[in-house]
Amino acid sequence: QLFSLRLDEALTLGSAYAAECARAKGTSLGIYGSRPNDDNDEKGDKPEAETTDGDDAIQSFILMNQTIPARTTTHGLRALGSTTRSSELDPHAIWKSLSKKLGDDLALVFQRMKRAAEQAGPELEQTAYSYYMHIRPDIPQGAKGWGAHGHLEIVKLSNFYPIDNNEKAGKQL
């Protein structure tokens, strides 16, 4: 929504964001070592956007204060893997994983998140992280929560942004 991307493109950016969050948590717990440009992140500096000439140009997207590298391919924009930064993420594999985790609720989750983005309107960029924190599953803090599976509460997807007039009239999703 923020970058006017197709669903397959947005899936790769979202997956890369989730991987960066997991890596950051793992680093804070001492599970992973830090990467060389993690020093910039601690100071609050934004890493420089990587660029190369030609079709393999790496673009950087700032998504909820995380820099996500991506490359335009023949299939569209693809976020790059967080470990090698050279492999493009596969939107089909991401969709398959989401389908496995959410099952029959996937369509409803997608519909409600899209609706929330529409309700946020131009404020989405400023409120996306707060929305993410609102909807993310509760898991224990620290090492206790490492690798723990959370349960997504679908009702949280709809009750963050103000309700519009159609929903007040009883036409809720």
N, C-alpha and C. Protein backbone atom coordinates (compact mmCIF):
# COMPACT_ATOMS: atom_id res chain seq x y z
N GLN A 1 0.82 -1.20 0.00
CA GLN A 1 0.00 0.00 0.00
C GLN A 1 0.87 1.26 0.00
N LEU A 2 1.87 1.29 0.87
CA LEU A 2 2.72 2.47 0.97
C LEU A 2 3.50 2.76 -0.30
N PHE A 3 3.96 1.69 -0.96
CA PHE A 3 4.82 1.86 -2.11
C PHE A 3 4.11 1.58 -3.43
N SER A 4 2.80 1.39 -3.41
CA SER A 4 2.01 1.06 -4.60
C SER A 4 2.56 -0.19 -5.30
N LEU A 5 2.75 -1.23 -4.53
CA LEU A 5 3.29 -2.48 -5.06
C LEU A 5 2.19 -3.50 -5.31
N ARG A 6 2.49 -4.44 -6.19
CA ARG A 6 1.60 -5.58 -6.38
C ARG A 6 1.71 -6.48 -5.16
N LEU A 7 0.74 -7.36 -4.99
CA LEU A 7 0.74 -8.26 -3.83
C LEU A 7 2.00 -9.11 -3.77
N ASP A 8 2.42 -9.68 -4.90
CA ASP A 8 3.61 -10.54 -4.88
C ASP A 8 4.85 -9.76 -4.45
N GLU A 9 4.93 -8.50 -4.84
CA GLU A 9 6.07 -7.67 -4.46
C GLU A 9 6.01 -7.32 -2.97
N ALA A 10 4.83 -6.96 -2.51
CA ALA A 10 4.65 -6.59 -1.10
C ALA A 10 4.90 -7.78 -0.18
N LEU A 11 4.53 -8.97 -0.61
CA LEU A 11 4.78 -10.16 0.21
C LEU A 11 6.26 -10.33 0.50
N THR A 12 7.10 -10.08 -0.50
CA THR A 12 8.53 -10.26 -0.28
C THR A 12 9.08 -9.20 0.68
N LEU A 13 8.59 -7.95 0.58
CA LEU A 13 9.04 -6.91 1.50
C LEU A 13 8.59 -7.22 2.93
N GLY A 14 7.34 -7.68 3.07
CA GLY A 14 6.83 -8.03 4.40
C GLY A 14 7.60 -9.17 5.02
N SER A 15 7.91 -10.17 4.21
CA SER A 15 8.67 -11.31 4.70
C SER A 15 10.08 -10.89 5.11
N ALA A 16 10.70 -10.04 4.31
CA ALA A 16 12.04 -9.55 4.65
C ALA A 16 12.00 -8.74 5.94
N TYR A 17 10.94 -7.95 6.13
CA TYR A 17 10.79 -7.18 7.37
C TYR A 17 10.69 -8.12 8.57
N ALA A 18 9.87 -9.15 8.45
CA ALA A 18 9.71 -10.12 9.54
C ALA A 18 11.04 -10.81 9.85
N ALA A 19 11.80 -11.13 8.81
CA ALA A 19 13.10 -11.77 9.01
C ALA A 19 14.07 -10.82 9.72
N GLU A 20 14.04 -9.54 9.37
CA GLU A 20 14.90 -8.55 10.03
C GLU A 20 14.54 -8.41 11.50
N CYS A 21 13.24 -8.43 11.81
CA CYS A 21 12.81 -8.35 13.22
C CYS A 21 13.29 -9.57 14.00
N ALA A 22 13.17 -10.75 13.38
CA ALA A 22 13.63 -11.98 14.03
C ALA A 22 15.15 -11.94 14.23
N ARG A 23 15.87 -11.45 13.22
CA ARG A 23 17.32 -11.36 13.33
C ARG A 23 17.71 -10.40 14.45
N ALA A 24 17.02 -9.27 14.53
CA ALA A 24 17.32 -8.29 15.57
C ALA A 24 17.07 -8.88 16.96
N LYS A 25 15.97 -9.62 17.11
CA LYS A 25 15.69 -10.26 18.40
C LYS A 25 16.75 -11.31 18.71
N GLY A 26 17.10 -12.11 17.72
CA GLY A 26 18.14 -13.13 17.92
C GLY A 26 19.47 -12.52 18.30
N THR A 27 19.81 -11.39 17.69
CA THR A 27 21.05 -10.70 18.02
C THR A 27 21.00 -10.17 19.46
N SER A 28 19.85 -9.60 19.85
CA SER A 28 19.73 -9.06 21.21
C SER A 28 19.81 -10.16 22.26
N LEU A 29 19.41 -11.38 21.89
CA LEU A 29 19.47 -12.52 22.82
C LEU A 29 20.82 -13.23 22.77
N GLY A 30 21.72 -12.81 21.87
CA GLY A 30 23.03 -13.43 21.75
C GLY A 30 23.01 -14.69 20.90
N ILE A 31 21.90 -14.95 20.20
CA ILE A 31 21.79 -16.14 19.34
C ILE A 31 22.54 -15.92 18.05
N TYR A 32 22.48 -14.71 17.52
CA TYR A 32 23.20 -14.35 16.30
C TYR A 32 24.24 -13.29 16.62
N GLY A 33 25.32 -13.27 15.83
CA GLY A 33 26.29 -12.19 15.92
C GLY A 33 25.76 -10.99 15.17
N SER A 34 26.33 -9.82 15.43
CA SER A 34 25.89 -8.63 14.72
C SER A 34 26.57 -8.56 13.36
N ARG A 35 25.90 -7.88 12.43
CA ARG A 35 26.47 -7.65 11.10
C ARG A 35 27.24 -6.34 11.14
N PRO A 36 28.16 -6.13 10.18
CA PRO A 36 28.99 -4.91 10.19
C PRO A 36 28.19 -3.62 10.22
N ASN A 37 27.08 -3.49 9.50
CA ASN A 37 26.35 -2.22 9.48
C ASN A 37 25.32 -2.13 10.61
N ASP A 38 25.33 -3.08 11.56
CA ASP A 38 24.46 -2.95 12.72
C ASP A 38 24.87 -1.77 13.59
N ASP A 39 26.15 -1.35 13.53
CA ASP A 39 26.59 -0.19 14.29
C ASP A 39 25.82 1.04 13.89
N ASN A 40 25.52 1.19 12.59
CA ASN A 40 24.74 2.33 12.12
C ASN A 40 23.35 2.32 12.72
N ASP A 41 22.73 1.13 12.79
CA ASP A 41 21.38 1.02 13.30
C ASP A 41 21.32 1.46 14.76
N GLU A 42 22.34 1.11 15.56
CA GLU A 42 22.33 1.46 16.96
C GLU A 42 22.43 2.98 17.15
N LYS A 43 23.10 3.66 16.26
CA LYS A 43 23.25 5.11 16.36
C LYS A 43 22.04 5.84 15.81
N GLY A 44 21.12 5.11 15.19
CA GLY A 44 19.95 5.73 14.60
C GLY A 44 20.19 6.22 13.19
N ASP A 45 21.39 6.02 12.65
CA ASP A 45 21.68 6.44 11.28
C ASP A 45 21.04 5.47 10.31
N LYS A 46 20.59 5.97 9.19
CA LYS A 46 20.06 5.11 8.13
C LYS A 46 21.23 4.64 7.28
N PRO A 47 21.35 3.32 7.04
CA PRO A 47 22.41 2.87 6.15
C PRO A 47 22.22 3.47 4.76
N GLU A 48 23.32 3.72 4.10
CA GLU A 48 23.24 4.24 2.74
C GLU A 48 22.57 3.22 1.83
N ALA A 49 21.75 3.69 0.92
CA ALA A 49 21.11 2.80 -0.04
C ALA A 49 22.19 2.27 -0.98
N GLU A 50 22.18 0.95 -1.16
CA GLU A 50 23.13 0.35 -2.07
C GLU A 50 22.62 0.55 -3.50
N THR A 51 23.50 0.84 -4.40
CA THR A 51 23.10 0.94 -5.79
C THR A 51 24.18 0.34 -6.66
N THR A 52 23.75 -0.24 -7.75
CA THR A 52 24.67 -0.72 -8.76
C THR A 52 24.10 -0.31 -10.09
N ASP A 53 24.91 -0.36 -11.11
CA ASP A 53 24.43 -0.01 -12.44
C ASP A 53 23.76 -1.21 -13.08
N GLY A 54 22.85 -0.95 -14.01
CA GLY A 54 22.24 -2.02 -14.79
C GLY A 54 21.00 -2.61 -14.16
N ASP A 55 20.61 -3.77 -14.67
CA ASP A 55 19.37 -4.41 -14.26
C ASP A 55 19.42 -4.95 -12.84
N ASP A 56 20.61 -5.15 -12.28
CA ASP A 56 20.74 -5.71 -10.95
C ASP A 56 20.79 -4.65 -9.86
N ALA A 57 20.35 -3.42 -10.15
CA ALA A 57 20.42 -2.34 -9.18
C ALA A 57 19.65 -2.71 -7.91
N ILE A 58 20.30 -2.51 -6.77
CA ILE A 58 19.66 -2.79 -5.49
C ILE A 58 19.02 -1.50 -5.01
N GLN A 59 17.75 -1.61 -4.65
CA GLN A 59 17.00 -0.48 -4.12
C GLN A 59 16.80 -0.72 -2.63
N SER A 60 16.64 0.33 -1.87
CA SER A 60 16.37 0.19 -0.45
C SER A 60 15.02 0.80 -0.14
N PHE A 61 14.23 0.07 0.65
CA PHE A 61 12.94 0.55 1.11
C PHE A 61 13.00 0.66 2.62
N ILE A 62 12.57 1.79 3.15
CA ILE A 62 12.48 1.94 4.60
C ILE A 62 11.05 1.55 4.97
N LEU A 63 10.94 0.46 5.71
CA LEU A 63 9.65 -0.07 6.11
C LEU A 63 9.65 -0.18 7.63
N MET A 64 8.87 0.65 8.27
CA MET A 64 8.78 0.68 9.73
C MET A 64 10.17 0.71 10.37
N ASN A 65 10.99 1.64 9.91
CA ASN A 65 12.34 1.90 10.43
C ASN A 65 13.35 0.80 10.15
N GLN A 66 13.05 -0.10 9.25
CA GLN A 66 14.00 -1.13 8.83
C GLN A 66 14.32 -0.89 7.35
N THR A 67 15.58 -1.02 6.99
CA THR A 67 15.98 -0.89 5.60
C THR A 67 15.89 -2.27 4.96
N ILE A 68 15.07 -2.38 3.92
CA ILE A 68 14.86 -3.64 3.23
C ILE A 68 15.44 -3.51 1.82
N PRO A 69 16.49 -4.27 1.50
CA PRO A 69 17.05 -4.22 0.15
C PRO A 69 16.17 -5.03 -0.82
N ALA A 70 16.06 -4.55 -2.04
CA ALA A 70 15.25 -5.23 -3.05
C ALA A 70 15.87 -5.01 -4.42
N ARG A 71 15.43 -5.83 -5.35
CA ARG A 71 15.92 -5.74 -6.73
C ARG A 71 14.74 -5.94 -7.67
N THR A 72 14.73 -5.21 -8.77
CA THR A 72 13.72 -5.41 -9.79
C THR A 72 14.15 -6.57 -10.68
N THR A 73 13.26 -7.55 -10.82
CA THR A 73 13.53 -8.73 -11.64
C THR A 73 12.56 -8.74 -12.81
N THR A 74 12.64 -9.75 -13.64
CA THR A 74 11.70 -9.88 -14.75
C THR A 74 10.29 -10.12 -14.24
N HIS A 75 10.15 -10.57 -12.98
CA HIS A 75 8.84 -10.83 -12.39
C HIS A 75 8.35 -9.67 -11.53
N GLY A 76 9.15 -8.63 -11.41
CA GLY A 76 8.78 -7.49 -10.57
C GLY A 76 9.77 -7.31 -9.44
N LEU A 77 9.43 -6.44 -8.52
CA LEU A 77 10.30 -6.15 -7.38
C LEU A 77 10.33 -7.33 -6.42
N ARG A 78 11.51 -7.67 -5.94
CA ARG A 78 11.68 -8.76 -4.98
C ARG A 78 12.65 -8.30 -3.88
N ALA A 79 12.22 -8.45 -2.63
CA ALA A 79 13.12 -8.18 -1.51
C ALA A 79 14.22 -9.24 -1.54
N LEU A 80 15.36 -8.86 -1.00
CA LEU A 80 16.50 -9.77 -0.97
C LEU A 80 16.60 -10.45 0.39
N GLY A 81 17.09 -11.68 0.38
CA GLY A 81 17.25 -12.44 1.62
C GLY A 81 18.13 -11.72 2.61
N SER A 82 17.82 -11.86 3.89
CA SER A 82 18.54 -11.09 4.91
C SER A 82 19.94 -11.63 5.19
N THR A 83 20.21 -12.88 4.85
CA THR A 83 21.54 -13.40 5.16
C THR A 83 22.54 -13.16 4.04
N THR A 84 22.13 -13.39 2.79
CA THR A 84 23.09 -13.24 1.70
C THR A 84 22.93 -11.94 0.94
N ARG A 85 21.79 -11.33 1.01
CA ARG A 85 21.48 -10.10 0.27
C ARG A 85 21.61 -10.28 -1.23
N SER A 86 21.70 -11.53 -1.68
CA SER A 86 21.81 -11.74 -3.12
C SER A 86 20.65 -12.55 -3.66
N SER A 87 19.96 -13.29 -2.82
CA SER A 87 18.86 -14.12 -3.32
C SER A 87 17.53 -13.40 -3.14
N GLU A 88 16.73 -13.40 -4.21
CA GLU A 88 15.42 -12.77 -4.14
C GLU A 88 14.45 -13.70 -3.41
N LEU A 89 13.58 -13.12 -2.60
CA LEU A 89 12.58 -13.91 -1.90
C LEU A 89 11.49 -14.33 -2.87
N ASP A 90 10.94 -15.50 -2.65
CA ASP A 90 9.93 -16.10 -3.53
C ASP A 90 8.53 -15.83 -2.98
N PRO A 91 7.73 -15.00 -3.64
CA PRO A 91 6.39 -14.70 -3.13
C PRO A 91 5.48 -15.92 -3.07
N HIS A 92 5.69 -16.89 -3.95
CA HIS A 92 4.86 -18.10 -3.91
C HIS A 92 5.14 -18.90 -2.65
N ALA A 93 6.40 -19.01 -2.26
CA ALA A 93 6.77 -19.72 -1.03
C ALA A 93 6.22 -18.98 0.19
N ILE A 94 6.25 -17.65 0.15
CA ILE A 94 5.74 -16.85 1.26
C ILE A 94 4.23 -17.06 1.39
N TRP A 95 3.51 -17.01 0.27
CA TRP A 95 2.06 -17.22 0.28
C TRP A 95 1.73 -18.63 0.80
N LYS A 96 2.51 -19.61 0.37
CA LYS A 96 2.30 -20.99 0.82
C LYS A 96 2.48 -21.08 2.34
N SER A 97 3.51 -20.43 2.86
CA SER A 97 3.75 -20.43 4.30
C SER A 97 2.61 -19.75 5.05
N LEU A 98 2.15 -18.61 4.54
CA LEU A 98 1.02 -17.91 5.17
C LEU A 98 -0.24 -18.79 5.13
N SER A 99 -0.46 -19.45 4.01
CA SER A 99 -1.62 -20.33 3.88
C SER A 99 -1.56 -21.47 4.89
N LYS A 100 -0.39 -22.01 5.08
CA LYS A 100 -0.22 -23.10 6.05
C LYS A 100 -0.47 -22.61 7.47
N LYS A 101 0.04 -21.42 7.80
CA LYS A 101 -0.11 -20.89 9.15
C LYS A 101 -1.52 -20.41 9.45
N LEU A 102 -2.16 -19.77 8.47
CA LEU A 102 -3.46 -19.15 8.72
C LEU A 102 -4.64 -19.98 8.22
N GLY A 103 -4.37 -20.94 7.36
CA GLY A 103 -5.43 -21.82 6.88
C GLY A 103 -6.58 -21.07 6.24
N ASP A 104 -7.79 -21.43 6.64
CA ASP A 104 -9.00 -20.83 6.07
C ASP A 104 -9.15 -19.35 6.43
N ASP A 105 -8.40 -18.88 7.40
CA ASP A 105 -8.50 -17.48 7.82
C ASP A 105 -7.68 -16.53 6.94
N LEU A 106 -6.86 -17.06 6.04
CA LEU A 106 -5.97 -16.21 5.25
C LEU A 106 -6.73 -15.14 4.47
N ALA A 107 -7.79 -15.50 3.81
CA ALA A 107 -8.55 -14.52 3.02
C ALA A 107 -9.13 -13.43 3.92
N LEU A 108 -9.65 -13.83 5.09
CA LEU A 108 -10.21 -12.86 6.02
C LEU A 108 -9.13 -11.94 6.58
N VAL A 109 -7.99 -12.49 6.92
CA VAL A 109 -6.87 -11.70 7.43
C VAL A 109 -6.43 -10.69 6.37
N PHE A 110 -6.28 -11.15 5.14
CA PHE A 110 -5.87 -10.27 4.05
C PHE A 110 -6.90 -9.15 3.85
N GLN A 111 -8.18 -9.52 3.85
CA GLN A 111 -9.26 -8.54 3.66
C GLN A 111 -9.25 -7.49 4.77
N ARG A 112 -9.09 -7.92 6.01
CA ARG A 112 -9.12 -6.98 7.13
C ARG A 112 -7.88 -6.08 7.17
N MET A 113 -6.74 -6.63 6.81
CA MET A 113 -5.54 -5.80 6.78
C MET A 113 -5.61 -4.77 5.65
N LYS A 114 -6.15 -5.17 4.53
CA LYS A 114 -6.32 -4.23 3.42
C LYS A 114 -7.30 -3.12 3.83
N ARG A 115 -8.36 -3.50 4.50
CA ARG A 115 -9.34 -2.52 4.96
C ARG A 115 -8.71 -1.56 5.97
N ALA A 116 -7.89 -2.08 6.87
CA ALA A 116 -7.22 -1.23 7.85
C ALA A 116 -6.30 -0.23 7.15
N ALA A 117 -5.60 -0.67 6.11
CA ALA A 117 -4.72 0.23 5.36
C ALA A 117 -5.54 1.33 4.69
N GLU A 118 -6.70 0.97 4.16
CA GLU A 118 -7.58 1.97 3.55
C GLU A 118 -8.09 2.96 4.59
N GLN A 119 -8.43 2.47 5.77
CA GLN A 119 -8.91 3.35 6.84
C GLN A 119 -7.81 4.29 7.32
N ALA A 120 -6.58 3.82 7.32
CA ALA A 120 -5.47 4.65 7.76
C ALA A 120 -5.22 5.78 6.78
N GLY A 121 -5.49 5.52 5.51
CA GLY A 121 -5.29 6.54 4.48
C GLY A 121 -3.87 7.07 4.47
N PRO A 122 -3.73 8.40 4.34
CA PRO A 122 -2.39 8.99 4.24
C PRO A 122 -1.58 8.86 5.53
N GLU A 123 -2.23 8.49 6.63
CA GLU A 123 -1.52 8.34 7.90
C GLU A 123 -0.85 6.97 8.03
N LEU A 124 -1.03 6.10 7.04
CA LEU A 124 -0.52 4.74 7.14
C LEU A 124 0.97 4.70 7.42
N GLU A 125 1.74 5.50 6.72
CA GLU A 125 3.19 5.46 6.91
C GLU A 125 3.58 5.79 8.35
N GLN A 126 2.89 6.75 8.96
CA GLN A 126 3.21 7.14 10.33
C GLN A 126 2.66 6.16 11.36
N THR A 127 1.62 5.40 11.03
CA THR A 127 0.97 4.54 12.02
C THR A 127 1.19 3.05 11.79
N ALA A 128 1.90 2.68 10.73
CA ALA A 128 2.06 1.26 10.39
C ALA A 128 2.73 0.47 11.52
N TYR A 129 3.76 1.01 12.13
CA TYR A 129 4.44 0.26 13.18
C TYR A 129 3.53 0.09 14.41
N SER A 130 2.79 1.12 14.75
CA SER A 130 1.85 1.00 15.88
C SER A 130 0.80 -0.06 15.59
N TYR A 131 0.33 -0.09 14.34
CA TYR A 131 -0.64 -1.12 13.94
C TYR A 131 -0.01 -2.50 14.05
N TYR A 132 1.22 -2.65 13.57
CA TYR A 132 1.93 -3.91 13.65
C TYR A 132 2.04 -4.37 15.12
N MET A 133 2.41 -3.47 16.00
CA MET A 133 2.54 -3.81 17.42
C MET A 133 1.18 -4.18 18.02
N HIS A 134 0.12 -3.55 17.54
CA HIS A 134 -1.23 -3.83 18.02
C HIS A 134 -1.70 -5.23 17.62
N ILE A 135 -1.39 -5.66 16.40
CA ILE A 135 -1.92 -6.93 15.90
C ILE A 135 -1.00 -8.12 16.11
N ARG A 136 0.27 -7.89 16.38
CA ARG A 136 1.18 -9.03 16.46
C ARG A 136 0.81 -9.92 17.64
N PRO A 137 1.00 -11.23 17.46
CA PRO A 137 0.65 -12.17 18.53
C PRO A 137 1.50 -11.94 19.77
N ASP A 138 0.88 -12.19 20.92
CA ASP A 138 1.60 -12.09 22.18
C ASP A 138 2.45 -13.34 22.38
N ILE A 139 3.72 -13.12 22.59
CA ILE A 139 4.63 -14.22 22.93
C ILE A 139 5.50 -13.74 24.08
N PRO A 140 6.04 -14.66 24.86
CA PRO A 140 6.89 -14.24 25.99
C PRO A 140 8.09 -13.42 25.53
N GLN A 141 8.50 -12.48 26.37
CA GLN A 141 9.68 -11.65 26.09
C GLN A 141 10.95 -12.46 26.28
N GLY A 142 12.03 -11.99 25.69
CA GLY A 142 13.35 -12.57 25.90
C GLY A 142 13.50 -13.96 25.31
N ALA A 143 14.46 -14.71 25.87
CA ALA A 143 14.79 -16.04 25.34
C ALA A 143 13.60 -17.00 25.44
N LYS A 144 12.75 -16.79 26.42
CA LYS A 144 11.58 -17.65 26.60
C LYS A 144 10.67 -17.62 25.35
N GLY A 145 10.61 -16.49 24.69
CA GLY A 145 9.76 -16.34 23.52
C GLY A 145 10.43 -16.70 22.20
N TRP A 146 11.73 -17.00 22.23
CA TRP A 146 12.44 -17.29 20.99
C TRP A 146 11.90 -18.56 20.36
N GLY A 147 11.40 -18.45 19.15
CA GLY A 147 10.85 -19.60 18.43
C GLY A 147 9.44 -19.96 18.82
N ALA A 148 8.86 -19.23 19.76
CA ALA A 148 7.49 -19.52 20.19
C ALA A 148 6.51 -19.12 19.09
N HIS A 149 5.47 -19.91 18.94
CA HIS A 149 4.42 -19.59 17.97
C HIS A 149 3.31 -18.84 18.67
N GLY A 150 2.89 -17.75 18.07
CA GLY A 150 1.80 -16.96 18.63
C GLY A 150 0.51 -17.23 17.87
N HIS A 151 -0.58 -16.79 18.45
CA HIS A 151 -1.89 -16.94 17.82
C HIS A 151 -2.38 -15.55 17.42
N LEU A 152 -2.66 -15.37 16.13
CA LEU A 152 -3.16 -14.10 15.63
C LEU A 152 -4.62 -13.93 16.02
N GLU A 153 -4.92 -12.86 16.74
CA GLU A 153 -6.30 -12.57 17.10
C GLU A 153 -6.90 -11.71 15.99
N ILE A 154 -7.75 -12.33 15.18
CA ILE A 154 -8.29 -11.67 13.99
C ILE A 154 -9.06 -10.40 14.34
N VAL A 155 -9.71 -10.37 15.48
CA VAL A 155 -10.48 -9.19 15.87
C VAL A 155 -9.58 -7.95 15.98
N LYS A 156 -8.30 -8.14 16.33
CA LYS A 156 -7.37 -7.01 16.45
C LYS A 156 -7.11 -6.34 15.10
N LEU A 157 -7.30 -7.07 14.01
CA LEU A 157 -7.02 -6.52 12.69
C LEU A 157 -7.94 -5.37 12.33
N SER A 158 -9.12 -5.34 12.94
CA SER A 158 -10.14 -4.36 12.55
C SER A 158 -10.36 -3.25 13.56
N ASN A 159 -9.79 -3.33 14.74
CA ASN A 159 -10.17 -2.35 15.75
C ASN A 159 -9.08 -1.35 16.11
N PHE A 160 -8.20 -1.04 15.19
CA PHE A 160 -7.13 -0.09 15.47
C PHE A 160 -7.43 1.29 14.89
N TYR A 161 -7.83 1.33 13.64
CA TYR A 161 -8.12 2.60 12.98
C TYR A 161 -9.58 2.97 13.19
N PRO A 162 -9.89 4.27 13.13
CA PRO A 162 -11.28 4.69 13.33
C PRO A 162 -12.23 4.01 12.34
N ILE A 163 -13.42 3.73 12.82
CA ILE A 163 -14.43 3.07 11.99
C ILE A 163 -15.11 4.12 11.12
N ASP A 164 -15.28 3.77 9.83
CA ASP A 164 -15.94 4.71 8.92
C ASP A 164 -17.46 4.58 9.04
N ASN A 165 -18.20 5.43 8.35
CA ASN A 165 -19.66 5.47 8.46
C ASN A 165 -20.33 4.18 8.02
N ASN A 166 -19.84 3.49 6.99
CA ASN A 166 -20.44 2.23 6.55
C ASN A 166 -20.35 1.18 7.65
N GLU A 167 -19.24 1.12 8.35
CA GLU A 167 -19.08 0.15 9.41
C GLU A 167 -19.94 0.51 10.61
N LYS A 168 -20.12 1.82 10.88
CA LYS A 168 -20.99 2.23 11.97
C LYS A 168 -22.43 1.81 11.71
N ALA A 169 -22.79 1.72 10.42
CA ALA A 169 -24.14 1.32 10.05
C ALA A 169 -24.33 -0.19 10.13
N GLY A 170 -23.31 -0.93 10.59
CA GLY A 170 -23.46 -2.36 10.78
C GLY A 170 -22.93 -3.21 9.63
N LYS A 171 -22.18 -2.61 8.72
CA LYS A 171 -21.64 -3.35 7.58
C LYS A 171 -20.17 -3.68 7.84
N GLN A 172 -19.90 -4.25 8.99
CA GLN A 172 -18.52 -4.57 9.35
C GLN A 172 -18.05 -5.78 8.58
N LEU A 173 -16.73 -5.83 8.36
CA LEU A 173 -16.12 -6.98 7.68
C LEU A 173 -16.09 -8.16 8.61
